[in-house]
Amino acid sequence: MRVKPVDPNAVIHDPHTKRRLPAEGDDVPESTFWVRRLRAGEIVRIDEGAPVGNEPVQPLTTRGGK
């Protein structure tokens, strides 16, 4: 899974590699350590190609203009 820290200044180290999780995110295994970080709100999942930030969203409509 691909994750990034919620706070770009946070220091979160991978328990196996001992490397810091970069602010722009990185691929990590879906282990109990990373799932706990997700649940604690320290990191968020990011998807490749997904919108990042607060881009405006067009509402979906199911009917014509009447």
N, C-alpha and C. Protein backbone atom coordinates (compact mmCIF):
# COMPACT_ATOMS: atom_id res chain seq x y z
N MET A 1 0.85 -1.17 0.00
CA MET A 1 0.00 0.00 0.00
C MET A 1 0.90 1.23 0.00
N ARG A 2 0.38 2.31 -0.51
CA ARG A 2 1.15 3.55 -0.58
C ARG A 2 0.58 4.51 0.45
N VAL A 3 1.46 5.03 1.30
CA VAL A 3 1.02 5.91 2.38
C VAL A 3 1.94 7.12 2.49
N LYS A 4 1.44 8.15 3.18
CA LYS A 4 2.26 9.32 3.48
C LYS A 4 1.85 9.83 4.85
N PRO A 5 2.75 10.54 5.53
CA PRO A 5 2.39 11.09 6.84
C PRO A 5 1.34 12.19 6.72
N VAL A 6 0.46 12.27 7.69
CA VAL A 6 -0.53 13.35 7.72
C VAL A 6 0.18 14.67 7.91
N ASP A 7 1.14 14.69 8.83
CA ASP A 7 1.96 15.88 9.08
C ASP A 7 3.27 15.71 8.33
N PRO A 8 3.55 16.55 7.32
CA PRO A 8 4.77 16.37 6.54
C PRO A 8 6.06 16.47 7.36
N ASN A 9 5.98 17.07 8.55
CA ASN A 9 7.16 17.18 9.42
C ASN A 9 7.29 16.02 10.40
N ALA A 10 6.32 15.10 10.38
CA ALA A 10 6.36 13.96 11.31
C ALA A 10 7.51 13.03 10.95
N VAL A 11 8.08 12.43 11.97
CA VAL A 11 9.15 11.47 11.77
C VAL A 11 8.60 10.09 12.10
N ILE A 12 8.35 9.31 11.06
CA ILE A 12 7.84 7.95 11.21
C ILE A 12 8.83 7.02 10.52
N HIS A 13 9.42 6.13 11.28
CA HIS A 13 10.43 5.22 10.73
C HIS A 13 9.82 3.85 10.44
N ASP A 14 10.23 3.27 9.31
CA ASP A 14 9.85 1.91 8.98
C ASP A 14 10.53 0.99 10.00
N PRO A 15 9.79 0.08 10.64
CA PRO A 15 10.40 -0.75 11.67
C PRO A 15 11.44 -1.74 11.14
N HIS A 16 11.39 -2.05 9.86
CA HIS A 16 12.33 -3.02 9.29
C HIS A 16 13.54 -2.35 8.67
N THR A 17 13.32 -1.31 7.88
CA THR A 17 14.44 -0.65 7.19
C THR A 17 15.04 0.47 8.01
N LYS A 18 14.31 0.94 9.03
CA LYS A 18 14.73 2.07 9.88
C LYS A 18 14.80 3.40 9.12
N ARG A 19 14.28 3.42 7.90
CA ARG A 19 14.26 4.66 7.12
C ARG A 19 13.03 5.47 7.46
N ARG A 20 13.18 6.78 7.33
CA ARG A 20 12.07 7.70 7.58
C ARG A 20 11.08 7.65 6.42
N LEU A 21 9.79 7.68 6.73
CA LEU A 21 8.75 7.75 5.70
C LEU A 21 8.77 9.14 5.10
N PRO A 22 9.04 9.25 3.78
CA PRO A 22 9.12 10.58 3.16
C PRO A 22 7.76 11.31 3.18
N ALA A 23 7.81 12.63 3.20
CA ALA A 23 6.59 13.44 3.23
C ALA A 23 5.72 13.20 2.00
N GLU A 24 6.36 12.88 0.84
CA GLU A 24 5.57 12.63 -0.38
C GLU A 24 5.00 11.22 -0.43
N GLY A 25 5.39 10.37 0.52
CA GLY A 25 4.83 9.03 0.61
C GLY A 25 5.75 7.97 0.05
N ASP A 26 5.39 6.70 0.33
CA ASP A 26 6.18 5.57 -0.12
C ASP A 26 5.32 4.31 -0.04
N ASP A 27 5.76 3.28 -0.75
CA ASP A 27 5.10 1.98 -0.68
C ASP A 27 5.59 1.25 0.56
N VAL A 28 4.66 0.72 1.34
CA VAL A 28 5.00 -0.04 2.54
C VAL A 28 4.16 -1.31 2.56
N PRO A 29 4.63 -2.34 3.26
CA PRO A 29 3.82 -3.56 3.35
C PRO A 29 2.60 -3.32 4.24
N GLU A 30 1.54 -4.04 3.99
CA GLU A 30 0.33 -3.89 4.79
C GLU A 30 0.47 -4.74 6.06
N SER A 31 1.36 -4.30 6.94
CA SER A 31 1.66 -5.02 8.18
C SER A 31 0.89 -4.39 9.34
N THR A 32 0.93 -5.05 10.48
CA THR A 32 0.23 -4.52 11.65
C THR A 32 0.78 -3.16 12.06
N PHE A 33 2.09 -2.95 11.90
CA PHE A 33 2.68 -1.65 12.25
C PHE A 33 2.03 -0.54 11.45
N TRP A 34 1.94 -0.70 10.13
CA TRP A 34 1.40 0.37 9.27
C TRP A 34 -0.11 0.50 9.44
N VAL A 35 -0.81 -0.59 9.67
CA VAL A 35 -2.26 -0.51 9.90
C VAL A 35 -2.53 0.24 11.20
N ARG A 36 -1.71 0.02 12.22
CA ARG A 36 -1.86 0.78 13.48
C ARG A 36 -1.61 2.27 13.25
N ARG A 37 -0.64 2.61 12.44
CA ARG A 37 -0.37 4.02 12.13
C ARG A 37 -1.58 4.63 11.40
N LEU A 38 -2.19 3.88 10.48
CA LEU A 38 -3.39 4.35 9.78
C LEU A 38 -4.51 4.63 10.77
N ARG A 39 -4.77 3.66 11.64
CA ARG A 39 -5.86 3.81 12.62
C ARG A 39 -5.60 4.93 13.61
N ALA A 40 -4.34 5.19 13.91
CA ALA A 40 -3.99 6.27 14.84
C ALA A 40 -4.08 7.63 14.18
N GLY A 41 -4.23 7.66 12.84
CA GLY A 41 -4.33 8.92 12.13
C GLY A 41 -2.99 9.57 11.86
N GLU A 42 -1.89 8.82 11.99
CA GLU A 42 -0.56 9.36 11.74
C GLU A 42 -0.20 9.36 10.25
N ILE A 43 -0.79 8.44 9.50
CA ILE A 43 -0.54 8.35 8.06
C ILE A 43 -1.88 8.20 7.34
N VAL A 44 -1.86 8.47 6.04
CA VAL A 44 -3.04 8.27 5.19
C VAL A 44 -2.62 7.48 3.96
N ARG A 45 -3.56 6.73 3.43
CA ARG A 45 -3.32 6.01 2.18
C ARG A 45 -3.41 6.97 1.02
N ILE A 46 -2.55 6.78 0.05
CA ILE A 46 -2.63 7.57 -1.17
C ILE A 46 -2.67 6.62 -2.35
N ASP A 47 -3.44 6.97 -3.33
CA ASP A 47 -3.57 6.15 -4.54
C ASP A 47 -2.93 6.88 -5.69
N GLU A 48 -2.25 6.14 -6.53
CA GLU A 48 -1.68 6.72 -7.74
C GLU A 48 -2.82 7.16 -8.65
N GLY A 49 -2.75 8.36 -9.17
CA GLY A 49 -3.76 8.84 -10.10
C GLY A 49 -4.97 9.45 -9.42
N ALA A 50 -5.08 9.30 -8.11
CA ALA A 50 -6.22 9.88 -7.40
C ALA A 50 -5.96 11.37 -7.18
N PRO A 51 -7.01 12.17 -7.12
CA PRO A 51 -6.82 13.60 -6.87
C PRO A 51 -6.15 13.83 -5.52
N VAL A 52 -5.27 14.79 -5.47
CA VAL A 52 -4.59 15.13 -4.22
C VAL A 52 -4.96 16.56 -3.87
N GLY A 53 -5.36 16.78 -2.64
CA GLY A 53 -5.72 18.13 -2.23
C GLY A 53 -7.22 18.33 -2.22
N ASN A 54 -7.62 19.56 -2.40
CA ASN A 54 -9.04 19.90 -2.33
C ASN A 54 -9.55 20.42 -3.66
N GLU A 55 -9.41 19.61 -4.70
CA GLU A 55 -9.93 20.01 -6.00
C GLU A 55 -11.45 20.06 -5.95
N PRO A 56 -12.07 20.98 -6.66
CA PRO A 56 -13.54 21.02 -6.67
C PRO A 56 -14.10 19.77 -7.35
N VAL A 57 -15.22 19.32 -6.83
CA VAL A 57 -15.86 18.11 -7.35
C VAL A 57 -17.20 18.50 -7.93
N GLN A 58 -17.49 18.05 -9.15
CA GLN A 58 -18.77 18.28 -9.78
C GLN A 58 -19.79 17.30 -9.22
N PRO A 59 -20.97 17.78 -8.77
CA PRO A 59 -21.98 16.85 -8.26
C PRO A 59 -22.53 16.00 -9.40
N LEU A 60 -22.84 14.77 -9.08
CA LEU A 60 -23.44 13.87 -10.06
C LEU A 60 -24.93 14.14 -10.15
N THR A 61 -25.46 14.12 -11.36
CA THR A 61 -26.89 14.28 -11.54
C THR A 61 -27.42 13.10 -12.32
N THR A 62 -28.66 12.74 -12.04
CA THR A 62 -29.27 11.61 -12.73
C THR A 62 -30.42 12.04 -13.64
N ARG A 63 -30.76 13.32 -13.60
CA ARG A 63 -31.87 13.78 -14.42
C ARG A 63 -31.42 14.91 -15.34
N GLY A 64 -32.21 15.16 -16.34
CA GLY A 64 -31.94 16.25 -17.26
C GLY A 64 -32.17 17.60 -16.60
N GLY A 65 -32.10 18.64 -17.38
CA GLY A 65 -32.22 20.00 -16.86
C GLY A 65 -33.61 20.45 -16.51
N LYS A 66 -34.62 19.60 -16.44
CA LYS A 66 -36.00 20.03 -16.15
C LYS A 66 -36.31 19.99 -14.71
